[in-house]
Amino acid sequence: MIILSYHIILYYHIIMSMLSVPLTPKLEETIDRLVKDGVAPNKAELARKAIEYFAEQQAIEDVLRAERELKDGKILRGDFKELLKKFQ
């Protein structure tokens, strides 16, 4: 049983990575408040949710930027292979 547990822990550490980030007291208070308010069950899950949320917001901003560029006429037209050569 001990050997099996060791292998599970070892596997868990191989597939997971950790990040250590210094926090200001204000950020730490905010994190504690959000966990207390039930946004996430713990600090680690809150950090994961925050990163996922940020990535989603970036994707939305990319789409909106592309829509603005399309509206402003900043589009490429023509043969894809020929356009690709311009960027290589």
PDB file of N, CA and C in Angstrom:
ATOM      1  N   MET A   1       0.824  -1.192   0.000  1.00  0.00           N
ATOM      2  CA  MET A   1       0.000   0.000   0.000  1.00  0.00           C
ATOM      3  C   MET A   1       0.870   1.258   0.000  1.00  0.00           C
ATOM      4  N   ILE A   2       1.952   1.246   0.744  1.00  0.00           N
ATOM      5  CA  ILE A   2       2.847   2.402   0.797  1.00  0.00           C
ATOM      6  C   ILE A   2       3.474   2.637  -0.569  1.00  0.00           C
ATOM      7  N   ILE A   3       3.857   1.582  -1.256  1.00  0.00           N
ATOM      8  CA  ILE A   3       4.465   1.720  -2.584  1.00  0.00           C
ATOM      9  C   ILE A   3       3.452   2.318  -3.552  1.00  0.00           C
ATOM     10  N   LEU A   4       2.220   1.858  -3.532  1.00  0.00           N
ATOM     11  CA  LEU A   4       1.174   2.377  -4.405  1.00  0.00           C
ATOM     12  C   LEU A   4       0.950   3.866  -4.121  1.00  0.00           C
ATOM     13  N   SER A   5       0.870   4.239  -2.866  1.00  0.00           N
ATOM     14  CA  SER A   5       0.679   5.647  -2.509  1.00  0.00           C
ATOM     15  C   SER A   5       1.836   6.491  -2.999  1.00  0.00           C
ATOM     16  N   TYR A   6       3.049   5.984  -2.869  1.00  0.00           N
ATOM     17  CA  TYR A   6       4.229   6.708  -3.333  1.00  0.00           C
ATOM     18  C   TYR A   6       4.137   6.954  -4.830  1.00  0.00           C
ATOM     19  N   HIS A   7       3.717   5.944  -5.593  1.00  0.00           N
ATOM     20  CA  HIS A   7       3.617   6.085  -7.042  1.00  0.00           C
ATOM     21  C   HIS A   7       2.520   7.079  -7.431  1.00  0.00           C
ATOM     22  N   ILE A   8       1.431   7.068  -6.709  1.00  0.00           N
ATOM     23  CA  ILE A   8       0.361   8.034  -6.981  1.00  0.00           C
ATOM     24  C   ILE A   8       0.860   9.447  -6.712  1.00  0.00           C
ATOM     25  N   ILE A   9       1.539   9.656  -5.607  1.00  0.00           N
ATOM     26  CA  ILE A   9       2.076  10.975  -5.275  1.00  0.00           C
ATOM     27  C   ILE A   9       3.116  11.388  -6.304  1.00  0.00           C
ATOM     28  N   LEU A  10       4.003  10.473  -6.682  1.00  0.00           N
ATOM     29  CA  LEU A  10       5.017  10.772  -7.683  1.00  0.00           C
ATOM     30  C   LEU A  10       4.357  11.152  -9.003  1.00  0.00           C
ATOM     31  N   TYR A  11       3.357  10.403  -9.445  1.00  0.00           N
ATOM     32  CA  TYR A  11       2.643  10.694 -10.685  1.00  0.00           C
ATOM     33  C   TYR A  11       1.972  12.064 -10.596  1.00  0.00           C
ATOM     34  N   TYR A  12       1.345  12.358  -9.493  1.00  0.00           N
ATOM     35  CA  TYR A  12       0.672  13.631  -9.285  1.00  0.00           C
ATOM     36  C   TYR A  12       1.658  14.784  -9.432  1.00  0.00           C
ATOM     37  N   HIS A  13       2.838  14.667  -8.885  1.00  0.00           N
ATOM     38  CA  HIS A  13       3.833  15.725  -8.962  1.00  0.00           C
ATOM     39  C   HIS A  13       4.410  15.869 -10.368  1.00  0.00           C
ATOM     40  N   ILE A  14       4.431  14.790 -11.123  1.00  0.00           N
ATOM     41  CA  ILE A  14       4.943  14.863 -12.486  1.00  0.00           C
ATOM     42  C   ILE A  14       3.969  15.621 -13.383  1.00  0.00           C
ATOM     43  N   ILE A  15       2.659  15.383 -13.230  1.00  0.00           N
ATOM     44  CA  ILE A  15       1.695  16.012 -14.126  1.00  0.00           C
ATOM     45  C   ILE A  15       1.278  17.402 -13.658  1.00  0.00           C
ATOM     46  N   MET A  16       1.562  17.756 -12.449  1.00  0.00           N
ATOM     47  CA  MET A  16       1.183  19.066 -11.919  1.00  0.00           C
ATOM     48  C   MET A  16       2.432  19.943 -11.815  1.00  0.00           C
ATOM     49  N   SER A  17       2.262  21.231 -12.064  1.00  0.00           N
ATOM     50  CA  SER A  17       3.373  22.142 -11.818  1.00  0.00           C
ATOM     51  C   SER A  17       2.918  23.159 -10.787  1.00  0.00           C
ATOM     52  N   MET A  18       3.868  23.762 -10.145  1.00  0.00           N
ATOM     53  CA  MET A  18       3.553  24.706  -9.078  1.00  0.00           C
ATOM     54  C   MET A  18       4.150  26.058  -9.429  1.00  0.00           C
ATOM     55  N   LEU A  19       3.530  27.085  -8.914  1.00  0.00           N
ATOM     56  CA  LEU A  19       3.971  28.443  -9.142  1.00  0.00           C
ATOM     57  C   LEU A  19       3.944  29.168  -7.815  1.00  0.00           C
ATOM     58  N   SER A  20       5.020  29.827  -7.502  1.00  0.00           N
ATOM     59  CA  SER A  20       5.086  30.608  -6.276  1.00  0.00           C
ATOM     60  C   SER A  20       5.126  32.081  -6.656  1.00  0.00           C
ATOM     61  N   VAL A  21       4.165  32.838  -6.151  1.00  0.00           N
ATOM     62  CA  VAL A  21       4.042  34.239  -6.527  1.00  0.00           C
ATOM     63  C   VAL A  21       3.981  35.098  -5.269  1.00  0.00           C
ATOM     64  N   PRO A  22       4.898  36.065  -5.164  1.00  0.00           N
ATOM     65  CA  PRO A  22       4.811  36.983  -4.023  1.00  0.00           C
ATOM     66  C   PRO A  22       3.558  37.851  -4.150  1.00  0.00           C
ATOM     67  N   LEU A  23       2.854  38.053  -3.055  1.00  0.00           N
ATOM     68  CA  LEU A  23       1.631  38.849  -3.052  1.00  0.00           C
ATOM     69  C   LEU A  23       1.763  40.041  -2.127  1.00  0.00           C
ATOM     70  N   THR A  24       1.164  41.139  -2.535  1.00  0.00           N
ATOM     71  CA  THR A  24       1.085  42.284  -1.636  1.00  0.00           C
ATOM     72  C   THR A  24       0.048  41.949  -0.559  1.00  0.00           C
ATOM     73  N   PRO A  25       0.125  42.618   0.569  1.00  0.00           N
ATOM     74  CA  PRO A  25      -0.883  42.367   1.609  1.00  0.00           C
ATOM     75  C   PRO A  25      -2.310  42.607   1.089  1.00  0.00           C
ATOM     76  N   LYS A  26      -2.489  43.608   0.236  1.00  0.00           N
ATOM     77  CA  LYS A  26      -3.821  43.900  -0.299  1.00  0.00           C
ATOM     78  C   LYS A  26      -4.335  42.745  -1.160  1.00  0.00           C
ATOM     79  N   LEU A  27      -3.459  42.184  -2.021  1.00  0.00           N
ATOM     80  CA  LEU A  27      -3.869  41.036  -2.839  1.00  0.00           C
ATOM     81  C   LEU A  27      -4.193  39.830  -1.970  1.00  0.00           C
ATOM     82  N   GLU A  28      -3.404  39.618  -0.941  1.00  0.00           N
ATOM     83  CA  GLU A  28      -3.663  38.486  -0.053  1.00  0.00           C
ATOM     84  C   GLU A  28      -5.001  38.650   0.666  1.00  0.00           C
ATOM     85  N   GLU A  29      -5.313  39.872   1.082  1.00  0.00           N
ATOM     86  CA  GLU A  29      -6.615  40.141   1.708  1.00  0.00           C
ATOM     87  C   GLU A  29      -7.744  39.874   0.717  1.00  0.00           C
ATOM     88  N   THR A  30      -7.552  40.280  -0.525  1.00  0.00           N
ATOM     89  CA  THR A  30      -8.569  40.064  -1.551  1.00  0.00           C
ATOM     90  C   THR A  30      -8.788  38.579  -1.772  1.00  0.00           C
ATOM     91  N   ILE A  31      -7.715  37.832  -1.863  1.00  0.00           N
ATOM     92  CA  ILE A  31      -7.813  36.377  -2.050  1.00  0.00           C
ATOM     93  C   ILE A  31      -8.550  35.742  -0.876  1.00  0.00           C
ATOM     94  N   ASP A  32      -8.165  36.109   0.331  1.00  0.00           N
ATOM     95  CA  ASP A  32      -8.821  35.552   1.518  1.00  0.00           C
ATOM     96  C   ASP A  32     -10.318  35.874   1.518  1.00  0.00           C
ATOM     97  N   ARG A  33     -10.663  37.093   1.122  1.00  0.00           N
ATOM     98  CA  ARG A  33     -12.071  37.499   1.094  1.00  0.00           C
ATOM     99  C   ARG A  33     -12.845  36.697   0.050  1.00  0.00           C
ATOM    100  N   LEU A  34     -12.256  36.533  -1.135  1.00  0.00           N
ATOM    101  CA  LEU A  34     -12.930  35.786  -2.190  1.00  0.00           C
ATOM    102  C   LEU A  34     -13.155  34.330  -1.809  1.00  0.00           C
ATOM    103  N   VAL A  35     -12.164  33.726  -1.158  1.00  0.00           N
ATOM    104  CA  VAL A  35     -12.325  32.343  -0.686  1.00  0.00           C
ATOM    105  C   VAL A  35     -13.407  32.299   0.382  1.00  0.00           C
ATOM    106  N   LYS A  36     -13.375  33.251   1.298  1.00  0.00           N
ATOM    107  CA  LYS A  36     -14.381  33.311   2.370  1.00  0.00           C
ATOM    108  C   LYS A  36     -15.778  33.496   1.792  1.00  0.00           C
ATOM    109  N   ASP A  37     -15.887  34.287   0.715  1.00  0.00           N
ATOM    110  CA  ASP A  37     -17.182  34.533   0.076  1.00  0.00           C
ATOM    111  C   ASP A  37     -17.658  33.359  -0.768  1.00  0.00           C
ATOM    112  N   GLY A  38     -16.821  32.323  -0.901  1.00  0.00           N
ATOM    113  CA  GLY A  38     -17.231  31.120  -1.601  1.00  0.00           C
ATOM    114  C   GLY A  38     -16.983  31.123  -3.101  1.00  0.00           C
ATOM    115  N   VAL A  39     -16.188  32.066  -3.583  1.00  0.00           N
ATOM    116  CA  VAL A  39     -15.872  32.097  -5.006  1.00  0.00           C
ATOM    117  C   VAL A  39     -15.115  30.834  -5.399  1.00  0.00           C
ATOM    118  N   ALA A  40     -14.278  30.352  -4.506  1.00  0.00           N
ATOM    119  CA  ALA A  40     -13.524  29.117  -4.708  1.00  0.00           C
ATOM    120  C   ALA A  40     -13.314  28.479  -3.333  1.00  0.00           C
ATOM    121  N   PRO A  41     -13.113  27.167  -3.313  1.00  0.00           N
ATOM    122  CA  PRO A  41     -12.961  26.498  -2.020  1.00  0.00           C
ATOM    123  C   PRO A  41     -11.632  26.777  -1.314  1.00  0.00           C
ATOM    124  N   ASN A  42     -10.623  27.195  -2.094  1.00  0.00           N
ATOM    125  CA  ASN A  42      -9.319  27.478  -1.487  1.00  0.00           C
ATOM    126  C   ASN A  42      -8.526  28.413  -2.400  1.00  0.00           C
ATOM    127  N   LYS A  43      -7.372  28.843  -1.922  1.00  0.00           N
ATOM    128  CA  LYS A  43      -6.549  29.801  -2.665  1.00  0.00           C
ATOM    129  C   LYS A  43      -6.058  29.233  -3.994  1.00  0.00           C
ATOM    130  N   ALA A  44      -5.671  27.983  -4.007  1.00  0.00           N
ATOM    131  CA  ALA A  44      -5.150  27.372  -5.231  1.00  0.00           C
ATOM    132  C   ALA A  44      -6.229  27.335  -6.310  1.00  0.00           C
ATOM    133  N   GLU A  45      -7.436  26.935  -5.922  1.00  0.00           N
ATOM    134  CA  GLU A  45      -8.525  26.871  -6.906  1.00  0.00           C
ATOM    135  C   GLU A  45      -8.907  28.278  -7.370  1.00  0.00           C
ATOM    136  N   LEU A  46      -8.835  29.242  -6.496  1.00  0.00           N
ATOM    137  CA  LEU A  46      -9.100  30.627  -6.890  1.00  0.00           C
ATOM    138  C   LEU A  46      -8.078  31.091  -7.922  1.00  0.00           C
ATOM    139  N   ALA A  47      -6.816  30.760  -7.707  1.00  0.00           N
ATOM    140  CA  ALA A  47      -5.775  31.128  -8.667  1.00  0.00           C
ATOM    141  C   ALA A  47      -6.023  30.455 -10.012  1.00  0.00           C
ATOM    142  N   ARG A  48      -6.404  29.189 -10.001  1.00  0.00           N
ATOM    143  CA  ARG A  48      -6.710  28.489 -11.259  1.00  0.00           C
ATOM    144  C   ARG A  48      -7.869  29.163 -11.986  1.00  0.00           C
ATOM    145  N   LYS A  49      -8.921  29.484 -11.225  1.00  0.00           N
ATOM    146  CA  LYS A  49     -10.075  30.151 -11.831  1.00  0.00           C
ATOM    147  C   LYS A  49      -9.682  31.515 -12.401  1.00  0.00           C
ATOM    148  N   ALA A  50      -8.852  32.239 -11.686  1.00  0.00           N
ATOM    149  CA  ALA A  50      -8.427  33.559 -12.144  1.00  0.00           C
ATOM    150  C   ALA A  50      -7.638  33.459 -13.454  1.00  0.00           C
ATOM    151  N   ILE A  51      -6.771  32.480 -13.559  1.00  0.00           N
ATOM    152  CA  ILE A  51      -5.978  32.295 -14.780  1.00  0.00           C
ATOM    153  C   ILE A  51      -6.888  31.899 -15.944  1.00  0.00           C
ATOM    154  N   GLU A  52      -7.823  30.989 -15.698  1.00  0.00           N
ATOM    155  CA  GLU A  52      -8.762  30.593 -16.750  1.00  0.00           C
ATOM    156  C   GLU A  52      -9.607  31.788 -17.186  1.00  0.00           C
ATOM    157  N   TYR A  53     -10.078  32.572 -16.224  1.00  0.00           N
ATOM    158  CA  TYR A  53     -10.892  33.751 -16.541  1.00  0.00           C
ATOM    159  C   TYR A  53     -10.081  34.750 -17.369  1.00  0.00           C
ATOM    160  N   PHE A  54      -8.843  34.975 -16.987  1.00  0.00           N
ATOM    161  CA  PHE A  54      -7.989  35.902 -17.726  1.00  0.00           C
ATOM    162  C   PHE A  54      -7.786  35.417 -19.159  1.00  0.00           C
ATOM    163  N   ALA A  55      -7.542  34.132 -19.334  1.00  0.00           N
ATOM    164  CA  ALA A  55      -7.342  33.573 -20.674  1.00  0.00           C
ATOM    165  C   ALA A  55      -8.613  33.743 -21.513  1.00  0.00           C
ATOM    166  N   GLU A  56      -9.769  33.528 -20.908  1.00  0.00           N
ATOM    167  CA  GLU A  56     -11.034  33.723 -21.624  1.00  0.00           C
ATOM    168  C   GLU A  56     -11.210  35.181 -22.032  1.00  0.00           C
ATOM    169  N   GLN A  57     -10.879  36.100 -21.133  1.00  0.00           N
ATOM    170  CA  GLN A  57     -11.006  37.529 -21.445  1.00  0.00           C
ATOM    171  C   GLN A  57     -10.072  37.924 -22.589  1.00  0.00           C
ATOM    172  N   GLN A  58      -8.876  37.372 -22.588  1.00  0.00           N
ATOM    173  CA  GLN A  58      -7.925  37.648 -23.674  1.00  0.00           C
ATOM    174  C   GLN A  58      -8.477  37.154 -25.008  1.00  0.00           C
ATOM    175  N   ALA A  59      -9.092  35.971 -24.997  1.00  0.00           N
ATOM    176  CA  ALA A  59      -9.673  35.421 -26.228  1.00  0.00           C
ATOM    177  C   ALA A  59     -10.812  36.309 -26.723  1.00  0.00           C
ATOM    178  N   ILE A  60     -11.633  36.794 -25.812  1.00  0.00           N
ATOM    179  CA  ILE A  60     -12.722  37.702 -26.182  1.00  0.00           C
ATOM    180  C   ILE A  60     -12.160  38.987 -26.771  1.00  0.00           C
ATOM    181  N   GLU A  61     -11.140  39.539 -26.139  1.00  0.00           N
ATOM    182  CA  GLU A  61     -10.511  40.754 -26.658  1.00  0.00           C
ATOM    183  C   GLU A  61      -9.927  40.532 -28.053  1.00  0.00           C
ATOM    184  N   ASP A  62      -9.352  39.372 -28.299  1.00  0.00           N
ATOM    185  CA  ASP A  62      -8.807  39.051 -29.627  1.00  0.00           C
ATOM    186  C   ASP A  62      -9.907  39.049 -30.684  1.00  0.00           C
ATOM    187  N   VAL A  63     -11.044  38.453 -30.347  1.00  0.00           N
ATOM    188  CA  VAL A  63     -12.164  38.407 -31.292  1.00  0.00           C
ATOM    189  C   VAL A  63     -12.687  39.813 -31.552  1.00  0.00           C
ATOM    190  N   LEU A  64     -12.861  40.595 -30.491  1.00  0.00           N
ATOM    191  CA  LEU A  64     -13.365  41.961 -30.657  1.00  0.00           C
ATOM    192  C   LEU A  64     -12.401  42.817 -31.476  1.00  0.00           C
ATOM    193  N   ARG A  65     -11.103  42.631 -31.260  1.00  0.00           N
ATOM    194  CA  ARG A  65     -10.095  43.362 -32.027  1.00  0.00           C
ATOM    195  C   ARG A  65     -10.172  42.971 -33.502  1.00  0.00           C
ATOM    196  N   ALA A  66     -10.335  41.691 -33.767  1.00  0.00           N
ATOM    197  CA  ALA A  66     -10.453  41.215 -35.143  1.00  0.00           C
ATOM    198  C   ALA A  66     -11.710  41.783 -35.800  1.00  0.00           C
ATOM    199  N   GLU A  67     -12.800  41.861 -35.050  1.00  0.00           N
ATOM    200  CA  GLU A  67     -14.027  42.436 -35.591  1.00  0.00           C
ATOM    201  C   GLU A  67     -13.841  43.915 -35.921  1.00  0.00           C
ATOM    202  N   ARG A  68     -13.140  44.651 -35.036  1.00  0.00           N
ATOM    203  CA  ARG A  68     -12.876  46.074 -35.298  1.00  0.00           C
ATOM    204  C   ARG A  68     -12.011  46.239 -36.547  1.00  0.00           C
ATOM    205  N   GLU A  69     -10.994  45.398 -36.679  1.00  0.00           N
ATOM    206  CA  GLU A  69     -10.124  45.472 -37.850  1.00  0.00           C
ATOM    207  C   GLU A  69     -10.897  45.165 -39.124  1.00  0.00           C
ATOM    208  N   LEU A  70     -11.781  44.196 -39.058  1.00  0.00           N
ATOM    209  CA  LEU A  70     -12.613  43.868 -40.214  1.00  0.00           C
ATOM    210  C   LEU A  70     -13.501  45.054 -40.580  1.00  0.00           C
ATOM    211  N   LYS A  71     -14.117  45.656 -39.560  1.00  0.00           N
ATOM    212  CA  LYS A  71     -14.987  46.822 -39.768  1.00  0.00           C
ATOM    213  C   LYS A  71     -14.195  47.988 -40.362  1.00  0.00           C
ATOM    214  N   ASP A  72     -12.937  48.152 -39.929  1.00  0.00           N
ATOM    215  CA  ASP A  72     -12.087  49.242 -40.413  1.00  0.00           C
ATOM    216  C   ASP A  72     -11.438  48.929 -41.761  1.00  0.00           C
ATOM    217  N   GLY A  73     -11.753  47.777 -42.312  1.00  0.00           N
ATOM    218  CA  GLY A  73     -11.206  47.408 -43.618  1.00  0.00           C
ATOM    219  C   GLY A  73      -9.792  46.862 -43.574  1.00  0.00           C
ATOM    220  N   LYS A  74      -9.321  46.519 -42.414  1.00  0.00           N
ATOM    221  CA  LYS A  74      -7.963  45.978 -42.274  1.00  0.00           C
ATOM    222  C   LYS A  74      -8.002  44.463 -42.455  1.00  0.00           C
ATOM    223  N   ILE A  75      -8.264  44.056 -43.664  1.00  0.00           N
ATOM    224  CA  ILE A  75      -8.332  42.627 -43.958  1.00  0.00           C
ATOM    225  C   ILE A  75      -7.412  42.317 -45.123  1.00  0.00           C
ATOM    226  N   LEU A  76      -7.039  41.079 -45.213  1.00  0.00           N
ATOM    227  CA  LEU A  76      -6.198  40.629 -46.318  1.00  0.00           C
ATOM    228  C   LEU A  76      -7.078  39.885 -47.306  1.00  0.00           C
ATOM    229  N   ARG A  77      -6.872  40.163 -48.563  1.00  0.00           N
ATOM    230  CA  ARG A  77      -7.632  39.487 -49.610  1.00  0.00           C
ATOM    231  C   ARG A  77      -6.653  38.872 -50.599  1.00  0.00           C
ATOM    232  N   GLY A  78      -7.030  37.747 -51.141  1.00  0.00           N
ATOM    233  CA  GLY A  78      -6.199  37.137 -52.153  1.00  0.00           C
ATOM    234  C   GLY A  78      -5.953  35.678 -51.903  1.00  0.00           C
ATOM    235  N   ASP A  79      -5.021  35.160 -52.651  1.00  0.00           N
ATOM    236  CA  ASP A  79      -4.650  33.759 -52.554  1.00  0.00           C
ATOM    237  C   ASP A  79      -3.897  33.515 -51.247  1.00  0.00           C
ATOM    238  N   PHE A  80      -4.356  32.546 -50.486  1.00  0.00           N
ATOM    239  CA  PHE A  80      -3.757  32.279 -49.174  1.00  0.00           C
ATOM    240  C   PHE A  80      -2.270  31.975 -49.272  1.00  0.00           C
ATOM    241  N   LYS A  81      -1.882  31.170 -50.232  1.00  0.00           N
ATOM    242  CA  LYS A  81      -0.469  30.799 -50.361  1.00  0.00           C
ATOM    243  C   LYS A  81       0.386  32.018 -50.700  1.00  0.00           C
ATOM    244  N   GLU A  82      -0.128  32.904 -51.520  1.00  0.00           N
ATOM    245  CA  GLU A  82       0.613  34.118 -51.868  1.00  0.00           C
ATOM    246  C   GLU A  82       0.707  35.065 -50.670  1.00  0.00           C
ATOM    247  N   LEU A  83      -0.380  35.183 -49.914  1.00  0.00           N
ATOM    248  CA  LEU A  83      -0.358  36.020 -48.707  1.00  0.00           C
ATOM    249  C   LEU A  83       0.630  35.466 -47.684  1.00  0.00           C
ATOM    250  N   LEU A  84       0.642  34.165 -47.552  1.00  0.00           N
ATOM    251  CA  LEU A  84       1.545  33.522 -46.590  1.00  0.00           C
ATOM    252  C   LEU A  84       3.011  33.811 -46.914  1.00  0.00           C
ATOM    253  N   LYS A  85       3.345  33.860 -48.197  1.00  0.00           N
ATOM    254  CA  LYS A  85       4.715  34.147 -48.588  1.00  0.00           C
ATOM    255  C   LYS A  85       5.164  35.531 -48.105  1.00  0.00           C
ATOM    256  N   LYS A  86       4.247  36.479 -48.024  1.00  0.00           N
ATOM    257  CA  LYS A  86       4.561  37.829 -47.567  1.00  0.00           C
ATOM    258  C   LYS A  86       4.985  37.872 -46.105  1.00  0.00           C
ATOM    259  N   PHE A  87       4.527  36.887 -45.329  1.00  0.00           N
ATOM    260  CA  PHE A  87       4.795  36.884 -43.893  1.00  0.00           C
ATOM    261  C   PHE A  87       5.948  35.952 -43.517  1.00  0.00           C
ATOM    262  N   GLN A  88       6.572  35.335 -44.490  1.00  0.00           N
ATOM    263  CA  GLN A  88       7.667  34.407 -44.160  1.00  0.00           C
ATOM    264  C   GLN A  88       9.000  35.073 -44.304  1.00  0.00           C
TER     265      GLN A  88
END
